[in-house]
Protein backbone atom coordinates (compact mmCIF):
# COMPACT_ATOMS: atom_id res chain seq x y z
CA UNK A 1 0.00 0.00 0.00
CA UNK A 2 1.39 3.37 -0.97
CA UNK A 3 2.37 5.69 1.90
CA UNK A 4 0.64 8.59 0.14
CA UNK A 5 -2.64 6.76 -0.39
CA UNK A 6 -5.38 9.29 0.47
CA UNK A 7 -7.51 6.48 1.85
CA UNK A 8 -4.99 5.76 4.57
CA UNK A 9 -6.02 7.79 7.65
CA UNK A 10 -3.16 9.65 9.20
CA UNK A 11 -0.78 9.13 6.29
CA UNK A 12 -0.34 12.88 6.02
CA UNK A 13 -0.55 13.94 9.65
CA UNK A 14 1.73 16.96 10.13
CA UNK A 15 4.87 16.27 12.07
CA UNK A 16 4.70 12.49 11.54
CA UNK A 17 6.74 10.31 9.23
CA UNK A 18 4.84 9.92 5.98
CA UNK A 19 5.22 6.17 5.98
CA UNK A 20 2.49 3.60 6.48
CA UNK A 21 3.54 1.14 9.18
CA UNK A 22 1.64 -2.17 8.69
CA UNK A 23 0.87 -4.43 11.57
CA UNK A 24 2.53 -7.43 9.97
CA UNK A 25 5.74 -6.23 8.42
CA UNK A 26 6.39 -9.64 6.88
CA UNK A 27 3.10 -9.36 4.97
CA UNK A 28 3.99 -5.98 3.46
CA UNK A 29 3.52 -6.08 -0.37
CA UNK A 30 6.60 -5.90 -2.53
CA UNK A 31 7.33 -2.85 -4.68
CA UNK A 32 5.57 -3.28 -8.00
CA UNK A 33 3.27 -6.03 -6.70
CA UNK A 34 0.01 -6.43 -8.49
CA UNK A 35 -3.47 -5.88 -7.14
CA UNK A 36 -3.84 -9.61 -6.40
CA UNK A 37 -0.81 -9.50 -4.15
CA UNK A 38 -2.24 -6.49 -2.26
CA UNK A 39 -5.60 -8.25 -1.87
CA UNK A 40 -3.92 -11.37 -0.61
CA UNK A 41 -1.91 -9.33 1.84
CA UNK A 42 -5.06 -7.67 3.17
CA UNK A 43 -6.71 -11.06 3.62
CA UNK A 44 -3.66 -12.41 5.44
CA UNK A 45 -3.71 -9.42 7.72
CA UNK A 46 -7.46 -9.80 8.39
CA UNK A 47 -7.07 -13.48 9.30
CA UNK A 48 -4.12 -12.65 11.50
CA UNK A 49 -6.23 -10.00 13.23
CA UNK A 50 -8.99 -12.55 13.92
CA UNK A 51 -6.48 -14.94 15.49
CA UNK A 52 -5.15 -12.07 17.57
CA UNK A 53 -8.65 -11.24 18.85
CA UNK A 54 -9.26 -14.88 19.81
CA UNK A 55 -5.99 -15.06 21.67
CA UNK A 56 -6.38 -11.79 23.55
CA UNK A 57 -9.68 -10.04 22.88
CA UNK A 58 -9.08 -7.40 25.51
CA UNK A 59 -5.93 -6.10 23.86
CA UNK A 60 -6.06 -4.50 20.45
CA UNK A 61 -2.75 -3.07 19.28
CA UNK A 62 -2.93 -0.40 16.65
CA UNK A 63 -0.14 0.37 14.24
CA UNK A 64 0.74 4.03 14.52
CA UNK A 65 4.01 5.92 14.05
CA UNK A 66 6.05 6.37 17.18
CA UNK A 67 4.72 9.21 19.30
CA UNK A 68 5.67 10.78 22.57
CA UNK A 69 3.13 9.34 25.08
CA UNK A 70 2.64 12.82 26.55
CA UNK A 71 1.20 13.98 23.21
CA UNK A 72 -1.64 11.45 23.37
CA UNK A 73 -4.39 13.21 25.36
CA UNK A 74 -6.49 11.63 28.08
CA UNK A 75 -9.94 11.73 26.49
CA UNK A 76 -11.60 11.22 29.86
CA UNK A 77 -10.57 14.79 30.77
CA UNK A 78 -12.21 16.25 27.68
CA UNK A 79 -15.96 16.53 28.47
CA UNK A 80 -17.48 16.11 25.02
CA UNK A 81 -15.18 13.20 24.21
CA UNK A 82 -15.62 11.47 27.57
CA UNK A 83 -19.39 11.50 27.11
CA UNK A 84 -18.96 9.80 23.74
CA UNK A 85 -16.98 6.86 25.12
CA UNK A 86 -19.23 3.84 25.57
CA UNK A 87 -18.36 1.02 28.01
CA UNK A 88 -19.77 -1.52 25.53
CA UNK A 89 -17.77 -1.79 22.28
CA UNK A 90 -19.80 -1.29 19.10
CA UNK A 91 -20.21 -4.46 17.03
CA UNK A 92 -19.50 -2.83 13.68
CA UNK A 93 -19.50 0.44 11.82
CA UNK A 94 -19.85 1.56 8.22
CA UNK A 95 -18.47 5.06 7.54
CA UNK A 96 -19.82 7.59 5.07
CA UNK A 97 -17.48 6.45 2.30
CA UNK A 98 -18.82 2.88 2.57
CA UNK A 99 -15.68 1.33 4.08
CA UNK A 100 -16.13 -0.98 7.01
CA UNK A 101 -14.80 -0.38 10.45
CA UNK A 102 -13.72 -3.53 12.30
CA UNK A 103 -14.98 -4.85 15.62
CA UNK A 104 -13.73 -2.76 18.52
CA UNK A 105 -12.63 -4.23 21.84
CA UNK A 106 -11.52 -0.80 23.06
CA UNK A 107 -12.42 2.82 22.45
CA UNK A 108 -9.78 3.33 19.72
CA UNK A 109 -11.42 3.41 16.28
CA UNK A 110 -9.59 1.90 13.33
CA UNK A 111 -10.30 1.07 9.72
CA UNK A 112 -10.70 -2.65 8.95
CA UNK A 113 -9.23 -2.27 5.49
CA UNK A 114 -6.05 -0.61 6.77
CA UNK A 115 -6.03 -1.53 10.47
CA UNK A 116 -4.62 1.89 11.29
CA UNK A 117 -5.91 3.99 14.14
CA UNK A 118 -6.84 7.56 13.35
CA UNK A 119 -8.06 9.90 16.15
CA UNK A 120 -9.90 12.05 13.62
CA UNK A 121 -12.24 9.15 12.83
CA UNK A 122 -13.42 9.24 16.40
CA UNK A 123 -14.36 12.88 16.10
CA UNK A 124 -16.06 12.40 12.73
CA UNK A 125 -18.26 9.73 14.25
CA UNK A 126 -21.05 11.10 16.37
CA UNK A 127 -20.07 9.01 19.40
CA UNK A 128 -21.94 5.92 20.52
CA UNK A 129 -25.72 5.67 20.57
CA UNK A 130 -27.72 3.66 23.05
CA UNK A 131 -27.52 0.55 20.84
CA UNK A 132 -23.75 0.60 20.83
CA UNK A 133 -23.43 1.58 17.15
CA UNK A 134 -21.52 4.56 15.76
CA UNK A 135 -23.36 7.11 13.66
CA UNK A 136 -21.35 9.32 11.30
CA UNK A 137 -23.38 12.50 11.65
CA UNK A 138 -22.02 15.86 10.59
CA UNK A 139 -22.24 18.49 13.34
CA UNK A 140 -24.22 21.58 12.49
CA UNK A 141 -21.94 24.22 14.07
CA UNK A 142 -18.74 22.90 15.71
CA UNK A 143 -18.09 24.43 19.10
CA UNK A 144 -14.82 26.09 20.06
CA UNK A 145 -14.05 23.16 22.30
CA UNK A 146 -14.53 20.64 19.51
CA UNK A 147 -12.53 22.71 17.05
CA UNK A 148 -9.68 23.01 19.53
CA UNK A 149 -9.54 19.27 20.23
CA UNK A 150 -9.87 18.41 16.54
CA UNK A 151 -7.00 20.71 15.63
CA UNK A 152 -4.81 19.42 18.46
CA UNK A 153 -5.29 15.87 17.23
CA UNK A 154 -4.65 16.89 13.64
CA UNK A 155 -1.45 18.77 14.50
CA UNK A 156 -0.39 16.16 17.07
CA UNK A 157 -0.39 18.78 19.80
CA UNK A 158 -1.08 17.96 23.42
CA UNK A 159 -4.54 19.05 24.58
CA UNK A 160 -4.38 21.61 27.40
CA UNK A 161 -7.20 20.81 29.88
CA UNK A 162 -7.27 24.41 31.13
CA UNK A 163 -8.03 25.70 27.63
CA UNK A 164 -10.70 23.01 27.18
CA UNK A 165 -12.38 24.06 30.43
CA UNK A 166 -12.45 27.74 29.43
CA UNK A 167 -13.68 27.00 25.90
CA UNK A 168 -16.49 24.88 27.32
CA UNK A 169 -17.71 27.86 29.36
CA UNK A 170 -17.50 30.12 26.32
CA UNK A 171 -19.50 27.61 24.25
CA UNK A 172 -22.22 27.70 26.88
CA UNK A 173 -22.28 31.49 26.70
CA UNK A 174 -22.56 31.33 22.91
CA UNK A 175 -25.55 28.99 23.20
CA UNK A 176 -27.34 31.46 25.48
CA UNK A 177 -27.01 34.33 23.03
CA UNK A 178 -25.13 34.07 19.76
CA UNK A 179 -25.21 37.80 19.12
CA UNK A 180 -23.45 38.62 22.37
CA UNK A 181 -19.84 39.76 22.12
CA UNK A 182 -17.62 37.58 24.30
CA UNK A 183 -14.14 38.04 25.77
CA UNK A 184 -12.14 34.82 25.96
CA UNK A 185 -10.17 34.98 29.22
CA UNK A 186 -7.44 32.36 29.68
CA UNK A 187 -5.47 34.11 32.41
CA UNK A 188 -2.52 32.23 33.83
CA UNK A 189 -3.02 33.86 37.24
CA UNK A 190 -6.57 32.57 37.68
CA UNK A 191 -6.88 31.41 41.29
CA UNK A 192 -10.38 29.97 41.12
CA UNK A 193 -9.65 26.89 38.99
CA UNK A 194 -6.57 24.72 38.34
CA UNK A 195 -4.37 26.45 35.78
CA UNK A 196 -1.95 25.00 33.27
CA UNK A 197 -0.29 28.00 31.68
CA UNK A 198 -0.50 28.09 27.92
CA UNK A 199 2.65 28.03 25.83
CA UNK A 200 3.38 29.39 22.38
CA UNK A 201 2.34 26.03 20.87
CA UNK A 202 -0.99 26.19 22.69
CA UNK A 203 -1.50 29.74 21.48
CA UNK A 204 -0.75 28.66 17.92
CA UNK A 205 -3.68 26.23 18.02
CA UNK A 206 -5.85 28.78 19.82
CA UNK A 207 -5.16 31.49 17.25
CA UNK A 208 -6.20 29.17 14.43
CA UNK A 209 -9.65 28.48 15.89
CA UNK A 210 -10.21 32.16 16.67
CA UNK A 211 -9.34 33.56 13.25
CA UNK A 212 -12.82 33.00 11.81
CA UNK A 213 -14.92 33.08 14.98
CA UNK A 214 -17.45 35.93 14.78
CA UNK A 215 -18.45 35.94 18.46
CA UNK A 216 -15.08 36.49 20.18
CA UNK A 217 -14.16 40.17 20.29
CA UNK A 218 -11.72 40.09 23.20
CA UNK A 219 -8.79 37.83 24.15
CA UNK A 220 -7.09 37.88 27.55
CA UNK A 221 -4.05 35.59 27.91
CA UNK A 222 -2.20 37.43 30.68
CA UNK A 223 0.46 35.73 32.83
CA UNK A 224 1.22 32.84 30.49
CA UNK A 225 4.31 31.60 28.63
CA UNK A 226 3.89 32.91 25.10
CA UNK A 227 7.34 34.52 24.59
CA UNK A 228 8.40 35.88 21.18
CA UNK A 229 7.03 32.87 19.32
CA UNK A 230 3.60 33.44 20.78
CA UNK A 231 3.89 37.12 19.90
CA UNK A 232 4.38 36.08 16.26
CA UNK A 233 1.12 34.09 16.35
CA UNK A 234 -0.60 37.02 18.08
CA UNK A 235 0.54 39.27 15.23
CA UNK A 236 -0.88 36.82 12.68
CA UNK A 237 -4.15 36.77 14.63
CA UNK A 238 -4.34 40.57 14.48
CA UNK A 239 -3.92 40.37 10.71
CA UNK A 240 -6.63 37.75 10.18
CA UNK A 241 -9.20 38.29 12.96
CA UNK A 242 -11.53 41.15 12.01
CA UNK A 243 -13.58 41.22 15.24
CA UNK A 244 -10.89 41.46 17.91
CA UNK A 245 -11.05 44.82 19.68
CA UNK A 246 -9.27 43.85 22.93
CA UNK A 247 -6.00 41.93 23.37
CA UNK A 248 -4.27 41.41 26.71
CA UNK A 249 -0.74 39.98 26.51
CA UNK A 250 0.62 41.33 29.80
CA UNK A 251 3.47 39.42 31.51
CA UNK A 252 4.12 36.82 28.81
CA UNK A 253 7.92 37.06 28.53
CA UNK A 254 7.73 38.90 25.21
CA UNK A 255 10.94 40.67 24.28
CA UNK A 256 11.95 43.39 21.81
CA UNK A 257 11.59 41.12 18.78
CA UNK A 258 8.09 40.08 19.81
CA UNK A 259 7.15 43.71 20.37
CA UNK A 260 8.38 44.53 16.89
CA UNK A 261 6.16 41.96 15.13
CA UNK A 262 3.07 43.01 17.12
CA UNK A 263 3.68 46.69 16.42
CA UNK A 264 4.19 45.93 12.72
CA UNK A 265 0.94 43.95 12.58
CA UNK A 266 -0.92 46.99 13.92
CA UNK A 267 0.15 49.14 10.97
CA UNK A 268 -2.73 47.81 8.86
CA UNK A 269 -5.10 46.83 11.68
CA UNK A 270 -8.22 49.00 11.91
CA UNK A 271 -10.18 46.95 14.45
CA UNK A 272 -8.19 46.66 17.69
CA UNK A 273 -9.08 49.30 20.28
CA UNK A 274 -7.19 48.27 23.41
CA UNK A 275 -3.80 46.54 23.71
CA UNK A 276 -2.15 45.61 27.02
CA UNK A 277 1.56 44.76 26.91
CA UNK A 278 2.40 45.41 30.57
CA UNK A 279 5.29 43.47 32.03
CA UNK A 280 6.81 42.38 28.71
CA UNK A 281 10.39 43.60 28.52
CA UNK A 282 10.28 45.04 25.02
CA UNK A 283 12.80 47.67 26.13
CA UNK A 284 13.67 50.80 24.24
CA UNK A 285 13.85 49.00 20.89
CA UNK A 286 10.31 47.62 21.12
CA UNK A 287 9.04 50.96 22.44
CA UNK A 288 10.37 52.74 19.36
CA UNK A 289 8.44 50.33 17.11
CA UNK A 290 5.22 51.04 19.00
CA UNK A 291 5.82 54.79 18.80
CA UNK A 292 6.32 54.47 15.03
CA UNK A 293 3.11 52.41 14.85
CA UNK A 294 1.11 55.27 16.42
CA UNK A 295 2.14 57.45 13.50
CA UNK A 296 0.28 55.08 11.15
CA UNK A 297 -2.48 53.44 13.19
CA UNK A 298 -5.57 55.60 13.68
CA UNK A 299 -7.91 53.12 15.40
CA UNK A 300 -6.12 52.09 18.63
CA UNK A 301 -7.65 53.96 21.57
CA UNK A 302 -5.72 52.66 24.56
CA UNK A 303 -2.16 51.35 24.83
CA UNK A 304 -0.62 49.89 27.99
CA UNK A 305 3.18 49.71 28.00
CA UNK A 306 3.75 49.86 31.74
CA UNK A 307 6.71 47.96 33.24
CA UNK A 308 8.13 47.28 29.76
CA UNK A 309 11.60 48.73 30.46
CA UNK A 310 11.11 51.59 28.03
CA UNK A 311 14.05 53.94 27.65
CA UNK A 312 14.27 57.71 27.60
CA UNK A 313 14.38 57.72 23.79
CA UNK A 314 11.12 55.79 23.43
CA UNK A 315 9.31 57.86 26.09
CA UNK A 316 10.27 61.06 24.25
CA UNK A 317 9.18 59.42 20.98
CA UNK A 318 5.73 58.70 22.45
CA UNK A 319 5.43 62.28 23.68
CA UNK A 320 6.30 63.52 20.20
CA UNK A 321 3.90 61.18 18.39
CA UNK A 322 0.99 61.98 20.70
CA UNK A 323 1.11 65.62 19.67
CA UNK A 324 -0.22 64.47 16.28
CA UNK A 325 -2.13 61.25 17.05
CA UNK A 326 -5.82 62.02 17.60
CA UNK A 327 -7.01 58.47 18.31
CA UNK A 328 -5.25 57.45 21.53
CA UNK A 329 -7.42 58.22 24.57
CA UNK A 330 -5.40 56.44 27.22
CA UNK A 331 -1.72 55.48 27.55
CA UNK A 332 0.29 53.80 30.29
CA UNK A 333 4.02 54.51 30.37
CA UNK A 334 4.74 53.36 33.93
CA UNK A 335 8.25 52.57 35.14
CA UNK A 336 10.55 53.42 32.26
CA UNK A 337 14.30 52.95 32.69
CA UNK A 338 15.55 56.53 32.97
CA UNK A 339 18.97 57.91 33.70
CA UNK A 340 19.82 61.42 34.80
CA UNK A 341 18.22 64.02 37.03
CA UNK A 342 16.93 66.49 34.43
CA UNK A 343 13.43 64.93 34.13
CA UNK A 344 13.47 65.14 30.34
CA UNK A 345 10.59 62.69 30.00
CA UNK A 346 8.30 64.82 32.15
CA UNK A 347 9.24 67.97 30.26
CA UNK A 348 8.33 66.35 26.93
CA UNK A 349 5.08 64.93 28.32
CA UNK A 350 4.15 68.41 29.50
CA UNK A 351 4.74 69.81 26.02
CA UNK A 352 2.58 67.03 24.60
CA UNK A 353 -0.33 67.88 26.94
CA UNK A 354 -0.26 71.46 25.72
CA UNK A 355 -0.99 70.34 22.14
CA UNK A 356 -2.95 67.10 22.54
CA UNK A 357 -6.74 67.42 22.38
CA UNK A 358 -7.66 63.74 22.61
CA UNK A 359 -5.86 62.09 25.54
CA UNK A 360 -8.08 61.65 28.60
CA UNK A 361 -6.04 59.13 30.64
CA UNK A 362 -2.32 59.32 31.42
CA UNK A 363 -0.27 57.01 33.70
CA UNK A 364 3.20 58.16 34.71
CA UNK A 365 4.05 56.02 37.74
CA UNK A 366 7.70 55.59 38.75
CA UNK A 367 9.06 58.27 36.45
CA UNK A 368 11.34 59.57 39.19
CA UNK A 369 9.29 62.76 38.98
CA UNK A 370 10.12 65.54 41.41
CA UNK A 371 8.58 68.94 42.06
CA UNK A 372 10.10 70.46 38.91
CA UNK A 373 8.58 67.76 36.72
CA UNK A 374 5.18 68.16 38.38
CA UNK A 375 5.33 71.89 37.67
CA UNK A 376 5.82 71.12 33.95
CA UNK A 377 2.67 68.99 33.96
CA UNK A 378 0.68 71.57 35.91
CA UNK A 379 1.65 74.35 33.51
CA UNK A 380 0.35 72.19 30.66
CA UNK A 381 -2.92 71.43 32.49
CA UNK A 382 -3.80 75.13 32.41
CA UNK A 383 -4.07 74.79 28.63
CA UNK A 384 -5.35 71.20 28.42
CA UNK A 385 -9.12 70.72 28.55
CA UNK A 386 -9.36 66.98 27.83
CA UNK A 387 -7.34 65.06 30.44
CA UNK A 388 -9.64 63.47 33.03
CA UNK A 389 -7.42 60.84 34.72
CA UNK A 390 -3.88 61.65 35.88
CA UNK A 391 -1.77 59.03 37.65
CA UNK A 392 1.52 60.31 39.09
CA UNK A 393 1.88 57.82 41.93
CA UNK A 394 5.17 56.31 43.13
CA UNK A 395 7.29 59.37 42.43
CA UNK A 396 9.31 61.85 44.55
CA UNK A 397 6.77 64.64 44.92
CA UNK A 398 6.68 66.63 48.16
CA UNK A 399 4.35 69.30 49.53
CA UNK A 400 6.22 71.99 47.55
CA UNK A 401 5.06 70.35 44.32
CA UNK A 402 1.49 70.07 45.63
CA UNK A 403 1.38 73.86 45.70
CA UNK A 404 1.47 73.87 41.87
CA UNK A 405 -1.12 71.07 41.71
CA UNK A 406 -3.51 72.77 44.13
CA UNK A 407 -3.20 75.98 42.13
CA UNK A 408 -4.13 74.32 38.82
CA UNK A 409 -7.07 72.51 40.43
CA UNK A 410 -8.64 75.87 41.24
CA UNK A 411 -9.14 76.63 37.55
CA UNK A 412 -9.13 73.17 35.93
CA UNK A 413 -12.65 71.84 35.35
CA UNK A 414 -11.94 68.58 33.51
CA UNK A 415 -9.71 66.49 35.80
CA UNK A 416 -11.87 63.89 37.57
CA UNK A 417 -9.45 61.27 38.95
CA UNK A 418 -6.14 62.14 40.61
CA UNK A 419 -3.75 59.51 41.95
CA UNK A 420 -0.78 60.83 43.95
CA UNK A 421 -0.26 57.72 46.09
CA UNK A 422 3.17 56.75 47.39
CA UNK A 423 4.72 60.22 47.40
CA UNK A 424 5.57 62.44 50.40
CA UNK A 425 3.11 65.33 50.44
CA UNK A 426 2.76 65.13 54.26
CA UNK A 427 0.48 67.43 56.27
CA UNK A 428 1.15 70.69 54.36
CA UNK A 429 0.37 69.08 51.01
CA UNK A 430 -2.85 67.54 52.35
CA UNK A 431 -3.92 70.92 53.71
CA UNK A 432 -3.32 72.59 50.33
CA UNK A 433 -5.49 69.99 48.64
CA UNK A 434 -8.18 70.16 51.33
CA UNK A 435 -8.46 73.91 51.03
CA UNK A 436 -8.69 73.81 47.23
CA UNK A 437 -11.32 71.06 47.25
CA UNK A 438 -13.40 72.79 49.89
CA UNK A 439 -13.50 76.24 48.28
CA UNK A 440 -12.73 76.06 44.56
CA UNK A 441 -12.65 72.77 42.72
CA UNK A 442 -15.96 71.07 41.83
CA UNK A 443 -14.83 68.63 39.14
CA UNK A 444 -12.61 66.14 40.96
CA UNK A 445 -14.47 62.92 41.81
CA UNK A 446 -11.72 60.65 43.14
CA UNK A 447 -8.52 61.36 45.07
CA UNK A 448 -5.94 58.85 46.31
CA UNK A 449 -3.30 59.94 48.83
CA UNK A 450 -2.31 56.44 50.00
CA UNK A 451 1.05 56.22 51.83
CA UNK A 452 2.02 59.88 51.78
CA UNK A 453 3.22 60.27 55.38
CA UNK A 454 0.14 62.35 56.23
CA UNK A 455 -0.79 62.66 59.89
CA UNK A 456 -4.07 63.43 61.63
CA UNK A 457 -4.17 67.15 60.89
CA UNK A 458 -3.83 66.74 57.12
CA UNK A 459 -6.25 63.79 56.96
CA UNK A 460 -8.84 65.76 58.91
CA UNK A 461 -8.52 68.65 56.44
CA UNK A 462 -9.38 66.28 53.58
CA UNK A 463 -12.36 64.91 55.53
CA UNK A 464 -13.63 68.42 56.22
CA UNK A 465 -13.47 69.27 52.51
CA UNK A 466 -15.96 66.50 51.73
CA UNK A 467 -18.61 68.22 53.85
CA UNK A 468 -18.76 71.18 51.48
CA UNK A 469 -17.64 69.52 48.25
CA UNK A 470 -20.45 67.27 47.06
CA UNK A 471 -18.63 66.23 43.86
CA UNK A 472 -15.76 64.42 45.54
CA UNK A 473 -17.11 60.91 46.14
CA UNK A 474 -14.03 58.64 46.33
CA UNK A 475 -11.23 59.16 48.85
CA UNK A 476 -8.42 56.68 49.62
CA UNK A 477 -6.15 57.37 52.60
CA UNK A 478 -4.74 54.05 53.84
CA UNK A 479 -1.03 53.88 54.68
CA UNK A 480 -0.91 57.20 56.53
CA UNK A 481 -0.73 57.94 60.28
CA UNK A 482 -4.14 57.78 61.93
CA UNK A 483 -4.90 59.26 65.33
CA UNK A 484 -8.19 58.83 67.17
CA UNK A 485 -9.58 62.19 66.00
CA UNK A 486 -8.99 61.13 62.37
CA UNK A 487 -10.70 57.77 62.95
CA UNK A 488 -13.74 59.48 64.47
CA UNK A 489 -13.95 62.01 61.64
CA UNK A 490 -13.96 59.39 58.89
CA UNK A 491 -16.30 57.15 60.88
CA UNK A 492 -18.85 59.98 60.90
CA UNK A 493 -18.48 60.51 57.15
CA UNK A 494 -19.25 56.85 56.53
CA UNK A 495 -22.12 56.69 59.02
CA UNK A 496 -23.78 59.76 57.49
CA UNK A 497 -23.47 58.28 54.01
CA UNK A 498 -21.28 61.08 52.72
CA UNK A 499 -18.47 58.60 52.07
CA UNK A 500 -19.83 55.27 50.90
CA UNK A 501 -18.04 52.07 52.04
CA UNK A 502 -17.35 51.03 48.43
CA UNK A 503 -15.72 54.40 47.67
CA UNK A 504 -12.94 54.27 50.24
CA UNK A 505 -10.25 51.87 51.42
CA UNK A 506 -11.01 52.10 55.15
CA UNK A 507 -13.66 50.71 57.46
CA UNK A 508 -14.22 51.90 61.06
CA UNK A 509 -14.58 49.53 64.00
CA UNK A 510 -14.83 50.04 67.75
CA UNK A 511 -12.80 48.33 70.48
CA UNK A 512 -13.32 49.23 74.17
CA UNK A 513 -15.03 52.46 73.19
CA UNK A 514 -12.24 53.60 70.85
CA UNK A 515 -12.67 53.99 67.09
CA UNK A 516 -10.10 52.46 64.74
CA UNK A 517 -9.79 52.12 60.98
CA UNK A 518 -9.19 48.88 59.07
CA UNK A 519 -8.09 48.47 55.46
CA UNK A 520 -10.57 47.42 52.77
CA UNK A 521 -9.53 46.11 49.34
CA UNK A 522 -10.86 49.07 47.37
CA UNK A 523 -8.96 51.53 45.21
CA UNK A 524 -8.56 53.29 41.89
CA UNK A 525 -6.88 50.28 40.22
CA UNK A 526 -6.59 47.61 42.89
CA UNK A 527 -6.93 44.69 40.47
CA UNK A 528 -4.99 46.17 37.60
CA UNK A 529 -2.16 43.62 37.83
CA UNK A 530 -3.67 40.72 39.77
CA UNK A 531 -6.98 38.96 40.38
CA UNK A 532 -8.58 38.23 43.78
CA UNK A 533 -9.02 34.76 45.24
CA UNK A 534 -12.77 35.29 45.34
CA UNK A 535 -15.32 37.79 44.06
CA UNK A 536 -15.25 39.80 40.87
CA UNK A 537 -11.96 41.09 39.54
CA UNK A 538 -13.46 44.02 37.63
CA UNK A 539 -15.97 45.48 40.06
CA UNK A 540 -16.19 49.24 40.40
CA UNK A 541 -15.09 49.39 44.03
CA UNK A 542 -11.70 47.83 43.26
CA UNK A 543 -11.12 49.71 39.99
CA UNK A 544 -12.92 52.97 40.61
CA UNK A 545 -10.61 55.02 38.39
CA UNK A 546 -11.53 53.09 35.25
CA UNK A 547 -15.20 53.06 36.22
CA UNK A 548 -15.31 56.84 36.60
CA UNK A 549 -13.29 57.52 33.46
CA UNK A 550 -13.87 54.71 30.93
CA UNK A 551 -11.54 55.19 27.98
CA UNK A 552 -11.93 51.82 26.24
CA UNK A 553 -13.84 48.59 26.56
CA UNK A 554 -12.69 45.63 28.67
CA UNK A 555 -11.14 47.55 31.52
C-alpha cells in the first residue's frame, strides 16, 4: 500500500513520518506487486487479526508511528469526548465512504481495510448511541471546544485541559445568546480553577480556531508563557481576525523582537481598540516600534506599555507622536528605565499635553518625577481641557510640588481622577489639597493619597473638605498615620453616608469604646495587575478610576 494513499487515515498527519507502518511487516507487499498481491496481503492481515482477537480479545494493538506518550491526550478529561466513550464496544461500523470499520474491543477506532488507528475518525463519528453503534453524523456548528480538540489531534499537539475548560464555558455562553460579544479569558493567574499556563504552541492552536470566529471580540491571555514565538502568532491573529477589539498579553515574557512583530501587525489593523503589553520587557527597541506604529495606526484607543523597560528615547518618541495622534485616549508609560536628574521625559510629556486634544487618561508612575517635573505637567494642564485621569503615583513629589497642583485645580474643570499615592506630600500638602477642594474645585471625583506620610491634621482637612464639596465621592487614605480624631472624623463621614463604604479603602470599627480604621480592598486600580481569590476582579469598588473615566472597553 502506498504511503501517500489518500484512503490511509493519518498518512499525512503533520509532524509524523509519511510512511504507512503495517501491523505485519512480513506481509507488506513488494514494490511493483500487483493488485492480487495487495488483496492477498489484506486477507492475510485480516485473518491474522482474527487470530489475535481470539488469543487476547481485551488487547487490540494499533499500528501508529512512534509518538511521545505525553502527546496522546487523556480523552476522559475532555468533556465532550468522555461523554462519547461507551463502556460496551460497538459491534461494527460503516463510515460515510462505505468502508467498514472492524470490531472494537476498546475505544480506539480503526479502519478494517487498513487496520490503522486515526483519532480524527473518532471525532467524525457522532459518538456511541444507546444501541452501541456509531453514527457518522455531521455536526451543524462545531463548538470552540470541539474545534480546539480536533485541531490538536490533527497537528499532534497535546490538549491543554485548562483551555478546554475555558472554551467549554465560552461555548455555553454562545448557546445562550449568539449575538453577544464575548471576551475569551485564559489568564494564567486565575486562582479559582486549576491552571496550566498556555505556551506558544498552545497559542498557535488557539489562534487558528479564533481567526474565523465571529463571536469572540476580546482575548485575555495574561500571565502565560507565550514569549516571542507566541507574539508572532498574536501578530498573525491581528492580521486575520476582524472582530478582535481587545487583546491582553501582559506578563508573557515577550521581548523586543516580539514587540516589533506586534507593532508591525498593527500598521494595517483597523479593528483593535485596546492593547495591554504590561510586564513584557520590550525595552527601548520595542518601544520605538510602538511609537512608530502610532504614526500610522488611527484606530487604537488605549495602549498599555507599563513595566516594559522603556528607555528615555522611546518615552520622548511617544510624547512627540501623541502631539499628532488624535485616536489614543489612554496610555500607560509606567516605570521606564531613565537615567539622569533632568526629568526630560516629564518635560516632553508636558509639552505634549499642551498640544494634545484627545488624551483623557495618562499614567506616569515611577518616572522619578520631582517637584520640577510636576510643575511642567501643571503648567500644561492650564491649557489642556481633555485630560480626566492623571496618575503620578510612586514618584518623589513633596508638599512643595502640591502647591502647583492645588493651584491648577482651582481653575481646571476637567480632571476627575487624581492619583498621587506613594509620594511624600505630608500634612502641608494635604492641607493645600483640602483647602482647594473645599473652596474652589468642583470637578474632581476621586482622590488617592495612599502612603504619603500624612498625619491626623492633614487627613482631617481632607475629611472636612468633603462636607462642602459634594462632587468628591471617592477618597483613599490608607497607609498614613491615623490618630483617634482622624478615625472618628472618617467614621462619621461613613455613618452619614457622605463617604460610601465602596468608595474608600477604610472601614471603622470600635474596640473598648475607641474607634479604629481597618483596610478594605478598594482603590482606583486595585486589580490592575492581579486577580482576587474570590469575588469579581473588575468590580467598580476595586477599579474605581476606570469606572469613573472609561476610555476603552474591557477595563
